[in-house]
Each structure stands twice: as C-alpha cells, then as structure tokens.
Amino acid sequence: MQPTLLLIDDDPGNLQALELAFARSDYRILTASSASRGIALLDEESPDVVVTDLRMGDAQTAGLDVVRAAVKKQPAPPVIILTAYGTIPSAVEALQLGAFNYLTKPINLAELRVQVARALEKRRLELENEALRAQLDHKFGFEGIVGDSPPMRALFDQMRRVAPTRVTVLILGESGVGKELIARALHQNSPRRNGPFVPVHCAALPETLLESELFGHERGAFTGAVARKPGRFELADGGTLFLDEIGEIPLSMQVALLRVLETREFMRVGGQQPVTVDVRLIAATNRDLERAVAEGRFREDLFYRLNVVTLRVPPLRERASDIPLLVGRFLNDFAHEAGRPAPTVTPAALAKLMAWPWPGNVRELRNVVENAFLFCKNNEIGVRDLPPAFHESPGGEEWMLSVGPETRLDDVEKEVLRQTLALCNGNITQAAKRLGISRRTLQRKIKDLSSQGM
C-alpha cells in the first residue's frame, strides 16, 4: 500500500520545494499551507509521516500544535520538525511532546529523505505491533477462552473485575483446565498488557536452581556463573510474573518469595545490592494449599499473601455443555493450520465425547480431537477415530451435529440445545441436567435463541 506523506509549510516556495524533493518517491503526497489545515488532514487522511515547519505565520511554534494533534492519534504518525537555528529550544520541546526528529534550516533534502524513510519504518513497525496485539487479544482475551456454561460465565465475570487491577491472583484448578491461559488473559486485559508476561513452571525446576531462576545471580556466585544473569522477577519488571504450580516451591524459597511480595525487593544470588521491581504476581496450583498449610508444607503467611483474589477454574466434567463448543473451536483451529476443511463429527462420536469424564480436562480433550482430526477418513470423525477407551464408554445417542470451517460457536450451541430437548422429549429439567446447567439458565437460553429463530 502506498504510504502517505503530509507536508506542512506556510511558505509556498518552501512547500513546493518539499513536494519536489519527494516527487520521484513512492509516496502519496498531501500538502497544507497552515497548521490548522495540516491538523484537519491528520483526521481526514491519516498520513503515515508528517513533515512540518515549526514557525508559520505569526505563530512561533505552530508546529507544536501539529505534534500535539499527531500524538493523540493511535498509532501516532511520526512528525519531523523543520526549524531555524534560533528556535532549536522549541524543536527540543517538540521532541519532548513526541516528535520523531527535527532538522535545521537550510534543509538538506537528502537528509530529509533519509529521515522520512526512517520515520516510515517506525510507523510500519508500530502498525505491525498493533496487528500482533490484536491477534493476542483474540487468542488470549476472554473471548478466546471457550465456555458458556454457568461456571465459566461466573469465572469470566470475576476476570473482568480483577484484570484491570494489580492485586495478586491465585488460580486454582486441576491439571489441564487452562490455568496459564487464564493468567495470560488477565495480563492481556490489564494496564500491563504492553509489558512482559513471564511464566515459571515451579515443579519443573530443581530446588537447587529455583532461587537463581527467580532472582538471578551475579558473576562468580557459584561454579558456572560466568556472567550476571537476570532472574524471572527482573524479566517481568513492568509486567506479570506467573508462578505455575506454586505449591511445589520448597519452604526455604517460600520465605524469600514472601519478602519480595511484601517489599518488591530481592537480592540476586551472590549480590550485595537490593533490586527493586514492579511486578504483578499471578500464581496457580492444582494442590489444596489450605491442607498444605495445616500439614506444615506451605507457609500460612505466604498463603494469605497470595490468596488476595482466588479464581477457581472448573474441571471439564462440571461444564459438559461446553464440550461441543470446544470441539468446534479446536477443529476450526486445526483445519486453519492445516489448510483443509474442518471435518464433521458424527452424532455417536459427539455423544461419546460429552459422556467422557475427562480426567485430563481441556488439555485431554484437545489432544483427543487433534488425534481424531489427523487420522479421520472422508473428513468425518466417528467413534472409530476416538481412542479405544471411548468405544466402550456410555453415550452414543443419535445426535445430528456437524462442525465445518464456517461454523459459529453460537450455531453449535443452538443445535446442541435443540437436539438435547428433542432427545429429552421437551423435558426442560432433564435437558438442563444433561447439559450441566440450571433449569432457569436453559429457559433463558431457549428464550434468547427463540428470538433468533431457533
């Protein structure tokens, strides 16, 4: 796409010279003979780079108004200021306001072209970052976590309240429920979203390395420490540190962790000076920490420091009504990655999936669906494509649900509700029990979907 360059100068001769300097370049050129007109073009045309004179008419710093208007845009276009030697202090003020650079008169047009090219590259990177951030929002935002069952709606409501704050969060849930996904979603929906998200899987680190991994070490602190190494707390400065399986941290390290939470300071291994960090802590565990406290395996003071806000992620067996939605999402994701149509799911296969207790939770379901996706025949997943244990499991009623590349999650839900009611002969109480939701919730869903033509 052709980049747009906005040139602003109240001197017709200078403006023409600037325009000629870029006549042979691959730019779409816009011109303005006043700061007010240039600011109007900022809104109307969204230029990629702005070049403006600092002094126009009687205004000594009219270019500053252009900079102020530009930095309000998201993302802001880079602004290059052209200034006479005597107004360099004002040019420096422009840099403080957010201008990209300034050049003194008489203008070296070759240098100006170089500066515009650099500004355009900065703009390109910012736009790419915005696109990447949007992808992250889709992947890790609340809308990226699939679920519409009552337990998940309650969890989403808690997350929306907690995400914008800096309070410490403790996420409880069985292995495979998606605790790290919840932590990433909290980070992405917080004011720290532009900072780092640093996960640490505590159970995977030996006790002898855990202190160095968390707090870093100085050169010569121990054999093999040939250079200073920052720890995870330093790497997470300005962002979020996620300590997964925090119940596995030994008592000796729990004391150090408590001190960091209380003072925001720590010492590197072998260090002499404290290091201060600004980190939001999110912890997770599949253990019963209260029982661990009672048994003396986890410090009570650390538990209460971590347990400011607790989020419980329900196991998949408690939200069976979400399984068709999850299957649809997984199949569409796998199909997109493979560049092939998403397979349909036979009625019996979906019934088997919904009847399974899922001890490995969402992770286990994803693995089963991915395996079936890879080896199914005729682009259809049947019971034969599921692991052998599913062949003898309950379920297998005559469902008539298929999932394709254009399938929407609300369409899947609508079809599940319709067919569940049919299987239960319209008995709302039985259908609600089968779906793992309350009778009132099912009645609300029926009402909502009926208005959409269920």
Protein backbone atom coordinates (compact mmCIF):
# COMPACT_ATOMS: atom_id res chain seq x y z
CA MET A 1 0.00 0.00 0.00
CA GLN A 2 1.37 3.44 -0.96
CA PRO A 3 2.43 5.40 2.18
CA THR A 4 1.05 8.90 2.67
CA LEU A 5 3.33 11.87 3.42
CA LEU A 6 1.87 15.12 4.76
CA LEU A 7 3.94 18.30 4.16
CA ILE A 8 3.04 21.48 6.10
CA ASP A 9 4.61 24.91 5.45
CA ASP A 10 3.08 28.37 5.07
CA ASP A 11 5.76 29.48 2.59
CA PRO A 12 4.59 28.49 -0.93
CA GLY A 13 8.16 28.26 -2.23
CA ASN A 14 9.32 26.02 0.62
CA LEU A 15 6.24 23.85 0.30
CA GLN A 16 6.84 23.38 -3.42
CA ALA A 17 10.49 22.52 -2.80
CA LEU A 18 9.48 19.88 -0.24
CA GLU A 19 6.95 18.42 -2.65
CA LEU A 20 9.53 18.25 -5.45
CA ALA A 21 12.01 16.52 -3.11
CA PHE A 22 9.64 13.56 -2.92
CA ALA A 23 8.21 13.74 -6.43
CA ARG A 24 10.08 10.64 -7.58
CA SER A 25 9.47 8.69 -4.39
CA ASP A 26 6.73 6.14 -3.94
CA TYR A 27 4.68 8.38 -1.65
CA ARG A 28 1.21 9.80 -1.84
CA ILE A 29 1.83 13.49 -1.14
CA LEU A 30 -0.53 15.77 0.80
CA THR A 31 0.23 19.46 1.37
CA ALA A 32 -1.07 22.10 3.79
CA SER A 33 -0.18 25.80 3.97
CA SER A 34 -1.14 26.22 7.63
CA ALA A 35 -1.04 24.30 10.89
CA SER A 36 -4.83 24.27 11.15
CA ARG A 37 -5.20 22.76 7.67
CA GLY A 38 -2.49 20.21 8.45
CA ILE A 39 -4.28 19.18 11.64
CA ALA A 40 -7.52 18.78 9.66
CA LEU A 41 -5.71 16.49 7.18
CA LEU A 42 -4.42 14.41 10.10
CA ASP A 43 -8.03 13.49 10.86
CA GLU A 44 -9.24 13.26 7.27
CA GLU A 45 -6.38 11.31 5.65
CA SER A 46 -4.45 9.57 8.49
CA PRO A 47 -0.99 10.19 6.94
CA ASP A 48 1.88 7.81 7.73
CA VAL A 49 4.54 10.55 8.19
CA VAL A 50 4.25 14.31 8.76
CA VAL A 51 6.87 16.95 7.89
CA THR A 52 6.04 20.40 9.28
CA ASP A 53 7.67 23.77 9.68
CA LEU A 54 7.88 24.91 13.28
CA ARG A 55 7.12 28.60 12.71
CA MET A 56 4.18 29.54 10.49
CA GLY A 57 2.63 32.98 10.16
CA ASP A 58 2.81 34.94 13.38
CA ALA A 59 2.93 31.77 15.49
CA GLN A 60 6.48 30.99 16.62
CA THR A 61 5.57 27.38 17.49
CA ALA A 62 2.65 26.45 15.24
CA GLY A 63 4.40 23.15 14.52
CA LEU A 64 3.98 22.17 18.16
CA ASP A 65 0.22 22.22 17.65
CA VAL A 66 0.71 19.73 14.83
CA VAL A 67 2.78 17.47 17.10
CA ARG A 68 0.15 17.65 19.86
CA ALA A 69 -2.58 16.68 17.41
CA ALA A 70 -0.50 13.87 15.90
CA VAL A 71 0.38 12.16 19.19
CA LYS A 72 -3.32 11.85 20.02
CA LYS A 73 -3.76 9.53 17.03
CA GLN A 74 -3.44 5.79 17.65
CA PRO A 75 -0.94 4.80 16.43
CA ALA A 76 0.55 8.29 16.13
CA PRO A 77 2.22 9.19 12.81
CA PRO A 78 5.88 10.25 13.21
CA VAL A 79 6.37 14.03 12.90
CA ILE A 80 9.58 15.65 11.61
CA ILE A 81 10.02 19.32 12.58
CA LEU A 82 11.80 21.84 10.33
CA THR A 83 13.26 24.70 12.33
CA ALA A 84 15.59 27.68 12.08
CA TYR A 85 18.68 27.68 14.30
CA GLY A 86 17.21 30.27 16.66
CA THR A 87 14.20 28.11 17.53
CA ILE A 88 16.08 24.90 18.44
CA PRO A 89 14.79 25.05 22.06
CA SER A 90 11.26 24.85 20.66
CA ALA A 91 12.32 21.92 18.49
CA VAL A 92 13.60 20.15 21.59
CA GLU A 93 10.21 20.79 23.19
CA ALA A 94 8.64 19.15 20.14
CA LEU A 95 10.74 16.03 20.78
CA GLN A 96 9.56 16.02 24.37
CA LEU A 97 5.98 16.17 23.12
CA GLY A 98 6.59 13.12 20.93
CA ALA A 99 8.01 14.37 17.60
CA PHE A 100 10.20 11.88 15.73
CA ASN A 101 13.08 14.27 14.92
CA TYR A 102 13.94 17.79 13.83
CA LEU A 103 16.14 19.28 11.06
CA THR A 104 17.58 22.80 11.00
CA LYS A 105 17.33 25.15 8.06
CA PRO A 106 18.57 25.39 5.38
CA ILE A 107 17.21 21.89 4.88
CA ASN A 108 19.41 19.19 3.38
CA LEU A 109 16.84 17.44 1.22
CA ALA A 110 18.87 14.23 1.03
CA GLU A 111 18.95 14.06 4.82
CA LEU A 112 15.23 14.84 4.94
CA ARG A 113 14.50 11.90 2.63
CA VAL A 114 16.55 9.62 4.92
CA GLN A 115 14.67 10.83 8.00
CA VAL A 116 11.30 10.30 6.29
CA ALA A 117 12.31 6.75 5.36
CA ARG A 118 13.29 6.04 8.97
CA ALA A 119 10.06 7.54 10.25
CA LEU A 120 8.08 5.41 7.81
CA GLU A 121 9.87 2.27 9.05
CA LYS A 122 8.96 3.24 12.62
CA ARG A 123 5.35 3.65 11.53
CA ARG A 124 5.38 0.24 9.82
CA LEU A 125 6.68 -1.48 12.96
CA GLU A 126 4.05 0.23 15.11
CA LEU A 127 1.27 -0.89 12.79
CA GLU A 128 2.63 -4.46 12.82
CA ASN A 129 2.72 -4.35 16.62
CA GLU A 130 -0.90 -3.18 16.68
CA ALA A 131 -1.87 -6.09 14.42
CA LEU A 132 0.04 -8.52 16.64
CA ARG A 133 -1.60 -7.08 19.74
CA ALA A 134 -5.00 -7.57 18.13
CA GLN A 135 -4.09 -11.21 17.43
CA LEU A 136 -3.02 -11.66 21.04
CA ASP A 137 -6.27 -10.10 22.22
CA HIS A 138 -8.19 -12.60 20.11
CA LYS A 139 -6.10 -15.51 21.30
CA PHE A 140 -5.82 -14.66 24.97
CA GLY A 141 -8.69 -12.25 25.55
CA PHE A 142 -11.75 -13.50 27.36
CA GLU A 143 -13.39 -14.19 24.01
CA GLY A 144 -10.57 -16.66 23.28
CA ILE A 145 -11.48 -18.85 26.25
CA VAL A 146 -14.36 -21.04 25.15
CA GLY A 147 -17.25 -21.58 27.51
CA ASP A 148 -20.84 -20.53 28.09
CA SER A 149 -21.76 -22.77 31.00
CA PRO A 150 -22.74 -21.09 34.29
CA PRO A 151 -19.38 -21.88 35.98
CA MET A 152 -17.47 -20.31 33.07
CA ARG A 153 -19.70 -17.24 32.90
CA ALA A 154 -19.09 -16.71 36.62
CA LEU A 155 -15.35 -17.07 36.05
CA PHE A 156 -15.38 -14.55 33.17
CA ASP A 157 -17.23 -12.06 35.36
CA GLN A 158 -14.56 -12.39 38.06
CA MET A 159 -11.79 -12.00 35.49
CA ARG A 160 -13.29 -8.80 34.09
CA ARG A 161 -13.34 -7.31 37.59
CA VAL A 162 -9.83 -8.42 38.54
CA ALA A 163 -7.89 -7.91 35.28
CA PRO A 164 -7.60 -4.08 35.41
CA THR A 165 -6.20 -4.14 38.97
CA ARG A 166 -2.72 -5.04 40.22
CA VAL A 167 -3.85 -7.39 43.01
CA THR A 168 -2.20 -10.77 43.39
CA VAL A 169 -4.35 -13.58 41.99
CA LEU A 170 -4.33 -17.27 42.93
CA ILE A 171 -5.77 -19.57 40.25
CA LEU A 172 -6.99 -22.95 41.47
CA GLY A 173 -7.83 -25.85 39.21
CA GLU A 174 -7.00 -29.37 38.19
CA SER A 175 -4.23 -30.13 35.73
CA GLY A 176 -5.26 -29.37 32.17
CA VAL A 177 -8.07 -26.89 32.86
CA GLY A 178 -6.14 -23.97 31.33
CA LYS A 179 -4.76 -22.05 34.32
CA GLU A 180 -1.98 -20.44 32.26
CA LEU A 181 -4.49 -19.38 29.62
CA ILE A 182 -6.49 -17.65 32.37
CA ALA A 183 -3.33 -15.92 33.63
CA ARG A 184 -2.42 -14.72 30.13
CA ALA A 185 -5.94 -13.40 29.62
CA LEU A 186 -5.70 -11.42 32.87
CA HIS A 187 -2.40 -9.95 31.70
CA GLN A 188 -3.70 -9.10 28.23
CA ASN A 189 -6.69 -7.30 29.69
CA SER A 190 -4.68 -5.31 32.23
CA PRO A 191 -2.82 -1.98 32.03
CA ARG A 192 0.37 -4.10 31.93
CA ARG A 193 -0.53 -5.66 28.58
CA ASN A 194 2.43 -3.95 26.85
CA GLY A 195 4.82 -5.32 29.46
CA PRO A 196 6.24 -8.86 29.58
CA PHE A 197 4.33 -11.95 30.65
CA VAL A 198 6.85 -14.33 32.22
CA PRO A 199 5.66 -17.86 33.11
CA VAL A 200 7.60 -20.05 35.54
CA HIS A 201 6.68 -23.71 35.97
CA CYS A 202 7.91 -24.23 39.52
CA ALA A 203 7.54 -28.02 39.52
CA ALA A 204 9.91 -28.28 36.54
CA LEU A 205 12.81 -26.51 38.30
CA PRO A 206 15.12 -28.36 40.73
CA GLU A 207 15.30 -26.80 44.19
CA THR A 208 19.00 -26.00 43.66
CA LEU A 209 18.21 -23.85 40.60
CA LEU A 210 14.95 -22.26 41.69
CA GLU A 211 16.49 -19.31 43.59
CA SER A 212 18.77 -18.41 40.68
CA GLU A 213 15.92 -18.73 38.18
CA LEU A 214 13.62 -16.47 40.17
CA PHE A 215 16.08 -13.86 41.43
CA GLY A 216 19.06 -14.16 39.09
CA HIS A 217 22.71 -14.33 40.07
CA GLU A 218 25.92 -12.33 39.95
CA ARG A 219 29.05 -13.40 38.15
CA GLY A 220 31.03 -15.85 40.28
CA ALA A 221 28.12 -16.53 42.64
CA PHE A 222 28.67 -20.26 42.14
CA THR A 223 30.55 -22.63 39.88
CA GLY A 224 29.45 -22.00 36.32
CA ALA A 225 28.14 -18.46 36.96
CA VAL A 226 30.40 -16.84 34.34
CA ALA A 227 28.24 -13.74 33.94
CA ARG A 228 25.44 -11.86 35.66
CA LYS A 229 22.04 -13.34 34.82
CA PRO A 230 18.72 -11.61 35.49
CA GLY A 231 16.04 -13.72 37.15
CA ARG A 232 12.40 -14.10 36.21
CA PHE A 233 11.36 -11.30 38.57
CA GLU A 234 13.64 -8.85 36.74
CA LEU A 235 12.50 -10.10 33.34
CA ALA A 236 8.88 -9.50 34.39
CA ASP A 237 9.52 -5.91 35.58
CA GLY A 238 6.62 -3.73 34.41
CA GLY A 239 4.56 -6.80 33.54
CA THR A 240 3.22 -10.02 35.03
CA LEU A 241 5.01 -12.98 36.60
CA PHE A 242 3.05 -16.24 36.52
CA LEU A 243 4.17 -18.89 39.01
CA ASP A 244 2.53 -22.15 37.98
CA GLU A 245 2.29 -25.00 40.50
CA ILE A 246 3.40 -22.71 43.31
CA GLY A 247 2.52 -25.42 45.80
CA GLU A 248 5.73 -27.20 44.73
CA ILE A 249 8.04 -24.41 45.98
CA PRO A 250 10.13 -25.63 48.96
CA LEU A 251 9.76 -23.94 52.34
CA SER A 252 13.21 -22.35 52.10
CA MET A 253 12.17 -20.46 48.95
CA GLN A 254 8.75 -19.54 50.33
CA VAL A 255 10.43 -17.17 52.81
CA ALA A 256 12.27 -15.34 50.01
CA LEU A 257 9.14 -15.17 47.89
CA LEU A 258 7.13 -13.70 50.76
CA ARG A 259 9.76 -10.97 51.23
CA VAL A 260 9.55 -9.99 47.55
CA LEU A 261 5.77 -9.73 47.74
CA GLU A 262 5.98 -7.53 50.81
CA THR A 263 8.88 -5.23 49.79
CA ARG A 264 9.11 -5.53 45.98
CA GLU A 265 12.85 -6.05 46.52
CA PHE A 266 15.19 -9.03 46.36
CA MET A 267 18.88 -9.87 46.18
CA ARG A 268 20.45 -11.72 43.29
CA VAL A 269 22.35 -14.85 44.32
CA GLY A 270 25.80 -13.58 45.28
CA GLY A 271 24.62 -9.97 45.13
CA GLN A 272 25.16 -7.15 47.62
CA GLN A 273 22.60 -4.58 46.45
CA PRO A 274 18.80 -5.00 46.51
CA VAL A 275 16.95 -5.00 43.20
CA THR A 276 13.54 -3.28 43.07
CA VAL A 277 10.89 -4.45 40.61
CA ASP A 278 7.33 -3.57 39.67
CA VAL A 279 5.70 -6.94 39.05
CA ARG A 280 2.16 -8.23 39.29
CA LEU A 281 2.13 -11.80 40.57
CA ILE A 282 -0.33 -14.44 39.44
CA ALA A 283 0.08 -17.89 40.96
CA ALA A 284 -1.61 -21.19 40.20
CA THR A 285 -1.81 -24.64 41.73
CA ASN A 286 -3.69 -27.90 41.49
CA ARG A 287 -2.91 -28.63 45.15
CA ASP A 288 -5.03 -27.93 48.23
CA LEU A 289 -2.90 -25.15 49.74
CA GLU A 290 -5.03 -24.87 52.89
CA ARG A 291 -4.36 -28.52 53.60
CA ALA A 292 -0.67 -27.98 52.85
CA VAL A 293 -0.67 -25.12 55.40
CA ALA A 294 -2.30 -27.34 58.00
CA GLU A 295 0.32 -30.03 57.35
CA GLY A 296 3.20 -27.54 57.61
CA ARG A 297 4.23 -27.88 53.95
CA PHE A 298 3.24 -24.33 52.98
CA ARG A 299 3.69 -21.12 54.93
CA GLU A 300 0.47 -19.66 56.24
CA ASP A 301 1.65 -16.05 55.81
CA LEU A 302 2.59 -16.70 52.17
CA PHE A 303 -0.76 -18.38 51.53
CA TYR A 304 -2.66 -15.33 52.76
CA ARG A 305 -0.38 -13.02 50.77
CA LEU A 306 -1.12 -15.00 47.60
CA ASN A 307 -4.81 -15.54 48.33
CA VAL A 308 -5.92 -11.92 47.80
CA VAL A 309 -8.23 -12.95 44.95
CA THR A 310 -8.93 -16.60 44.14
CA LEU A 311 -10.19 -17.78 40.76
CA ARG A 312 -11.36 -21.38 40.52
CA VAL A 313 -11.31 -22.88 37.03
CA PRO A 314 -13.98 -25.60 36.82
CA PRO A 315 -12.99 -29.05 35.53
CA LEU A 316 -14.46 -30.06 32.20
CA ARG A 317 -16.76 -32.66 33.80
CA GLU A 318 -18.57 -29.78 35.55
CA ARG A 319 -19.28 -27.99 32.27
CA ALA A 320 -20.17 -30.72 29.79
CA SER A 321 -22.34 -28.27 27.85
CA ASP A 322 -19.13 -26.53 26.73
CA ILE A 323 -17.73 -29.65 25.04
CA PRO A 324 -19.44 -29.12 21.64
CA LEU A 325 -18.19 -25.52 21.65
CA LEU A 326 -14.65 -26.63 22.46
CA VAL A 327 -14.71 -29.36 19.82
CA GLY A 328 -15.88 -26.83 17.23
CA ARG A 329 -13.15 -24.36 18.17
CA PHE A 330 -10.40 -27.00 18.13
CA LEU A 331 -11.46 -28.41 14.77
CA ASN A 332 -11.63 -24.97 13.17
CA ASP A 333 -8.17 -24.13 14.56
CA PHE A 334 -6.64 -27.39 13.33
CA ALA A 335 -8.29 -27.01 9.93
CA HIS A 336 -7.00 -23.44 9.57
CA GLU A 337 -3.45 -24.51 10.43
CA ALA A 338 -3.59 -27.46 8.05
CA GLY A 339 -5.25 -25.54 5.22
CA ARG A 340 -8.05 -28.06 4.84
CA PRO A 341 -11.79 -28.13 5.60
CA ALA A 342 -12.79 -28.94 9.15
CA PRO A 343 -14.26 -32.44 9.45
CA THR A 344 -17.78 -33.12 10.63
CA VAL A 345 -18.42 -35.03 13.86
CA THR A 346 -20.85 -37.94 13.82
CA PRO A 347 -23.70 -37.98 16.34
CA ALA A 348 -22.33 -41.02 18.17
CA ALA A 349 -18.80 -39.60 18.42
CA LEU A 350 -20.02 -36.32 19.91
CA ALA A 351 -22.17 -38.20 22.41
CA LYS A 352 -19.12 -40.25 23.46
CA LEU A 353 -17.11 -37.07 23.95
CA MET A 354 -19.82 -35.47 26.07
CA ALA A 355 -20.19 -38.58 28.25
CA TRP A 356 -16.47 -38.94 28.99
CA PRO A 357 -15.33 -37.78 32.50
CA TRP A 358 -12.16 -36.06 31.13
CA PRO A 359 -9.67 -36.55 33.97
CA GLY A 360 -7.16 -34.57 31.89
CA ASN A 361 -9.70 -31.78 31.30
CA VAL A 362 -9.48 -29.43 28.30
CA ARG A 363 -5.90 -30.46 27.50
CA GLU A 364 -7.01 -34.08 27.19
CA LEU A 365 -10.00 -33.10 25.03
CA ARG A 366 -7.77 -31.07 22.71
CA ASN A 367 -5.35 -33.98 22.31
CA VAL A 368 -8.17 -36.42 21.55
CA VAL A 369 -9.74 -34.07 18.99
CA GLU A 370 -6.38 -33.36 17.33
CA ASN A 371 -5.61 -37.07 17.03
CA ALA A 372 -9.05 -37.71 15.52
CA PHE A 373 -8.60 -34.76 13.14
CA LEU A 374 -5.30 -36.15 11.85
CA PHE A 375 -6.46 -39.72 11.24
CA CYS A 376 -10.16 -39.49 10.39
CA LYS A 377 -11.31 -40.69 6.96
CA ASN A 378 -13.60 -38.94 4.49
CA ASN A 379 -13.31 -35.76 6.58
CA GLU A 380 -15.65 -37.20 9.21
CA ILE A 381 -14.86 -38.02 12.83
CA GLY A 382 -16.68 -41.09 14.10
CA VAL A 383 -16.40 -43.26 17.18
CA ARG A 384 -13.79 -45.34 15.33
CA ASP A 385 -11.49 -42.30 15.30
CA LEU A 386 -11.58 -41.89 19.09
CA PRO A 387 -9.22 -43.75 21.46
CA PRO A 388 -10.23 -47.36 22.23
CA ALA A 389 -11.39 -46.48 25.75
CA PHE A 390 -14.18 -44.38 24.26
CA HIS A 391 -15.61 -47.31 22.30
CA GLU A 392 -16.94 -48.95 25.47
CA SER A 393 -17.92 -45.71 27.26
CA PRO A 394 -21.55 -44.60 27.72
CA GLY A 395 -23.15 -42.32 25.16
CA GLY A 396 -23.93 -42.73 21.51
CA GLU A 397 -27.41 -41.30 21.19
CA GLU A 398 -28.47 -40.15 17.76
CA TRP A 399 -27.17 -36.63 17.62
CA MET A 400 -27.17 -34.82 14.31
CA LEU A 401 -24.41 -32.22 14.72
CA SER A 402 -21.66 -31.36 12.28
CA VAL A 403 -18.87 -28.81 12.53
CA GLY A 404 -17.39 -27.12 9.48
CA PRO A 405 -14.88 -24.35 8.76
CA GLU A 406 -17.57 -21.66 8.81
CA THR A 407 -19.33 -22.94 11.94
CA ARG A 408 -20.01 -20.31 14.60
CA LEU A 409 -19.97 -21.21 18.28
CA ASP A 410 -23.47 -19.86 18.83
CA ASP A 411 -24.71 -22.06 15.96
CA VAL A 412 -23.20 -25.11 17.66
CA GLU A 413 -24.84 -24.16 20.95
CA LYS A 414 -28.19 -23.62 19.26
CA GLU A 415 -28.02 -27.07 17.64
CA VAL A 416 -26.96 -28.75 20.91
CA LEU A 417 -29.89 -27.20 22.76
CA ARG A 418 -32.37 -28.12 20.05
CA GLN A 419 -31.26 -31.74 19.85
CA THR A 420 -30.92 -32.20 23.61
CA LEU A 421 -34.52 -31.05 24.04
CA ALA A 422 -35.57 -33.46 21.31
CA LEU A 423 -33.74 -36.35 22.99
CA CYS A 424 -35.45 -35.47 26.29
CA ASN A 425 -38.87 -35.16 24.62
CA GLY A 426 -39.02 -31.49 25.54
CA ASN A 427 -38.47 -32.09 29.27
CA ILE A 428 -36.57 -28.98 30.33
CA THR A 429 -35.49 -30.38 33.70
CA GLN A 430 -33.93 -33.48 32.11
CA ALA A 431 -32.33 -31.46 29.32
CA ALA A 432 -30.81 -29.00 31.80
CA LYS A 433 -29.39 -31.85 33.87
CA ARG A 434 -27.95 -33.48 30.77
CA LEU A 435 -26.29 -30.21 29.71
CA GLY A 436 -24.91 -29.47 33.17
CA ILE A 437 -26.77 -26.18 33.55
CA SER A 438 -29.65 -24.98 35.69
CA ARG A 439 -33.27 -25.16 34.56
CA ARG A 440 -33.52 -21.35 34.71
CA THR A 441 -30.40 -20.96 32.54
CA LEU A 442 -31.80 -23.35 29.95
CA GLN A 443 -35.11 -21.46 29.88
CA ARG A 444 -33.21 -18.20 29.36
CA LYS A 445 -31.18 -19.69 26.52
CA ILE A 446 -34.31 -21.05 24.85
CA LYS A 447 -35.91 -17.62 25.06
CA ASP A 448 -32.83 -15.89 23.67
CA LEU A 449 -32.37 -18.35 20.83
CA SER A 450 -36.09 -18.40 20.02
CA SER A 451 -35.89 -14.68 19.34
CA GLN A 452 -33.14 -15.51 16.82
CA GLY A 453 -35.23 -18.16 15.12
CA MET A 454 -34.29 -21.35 17.00
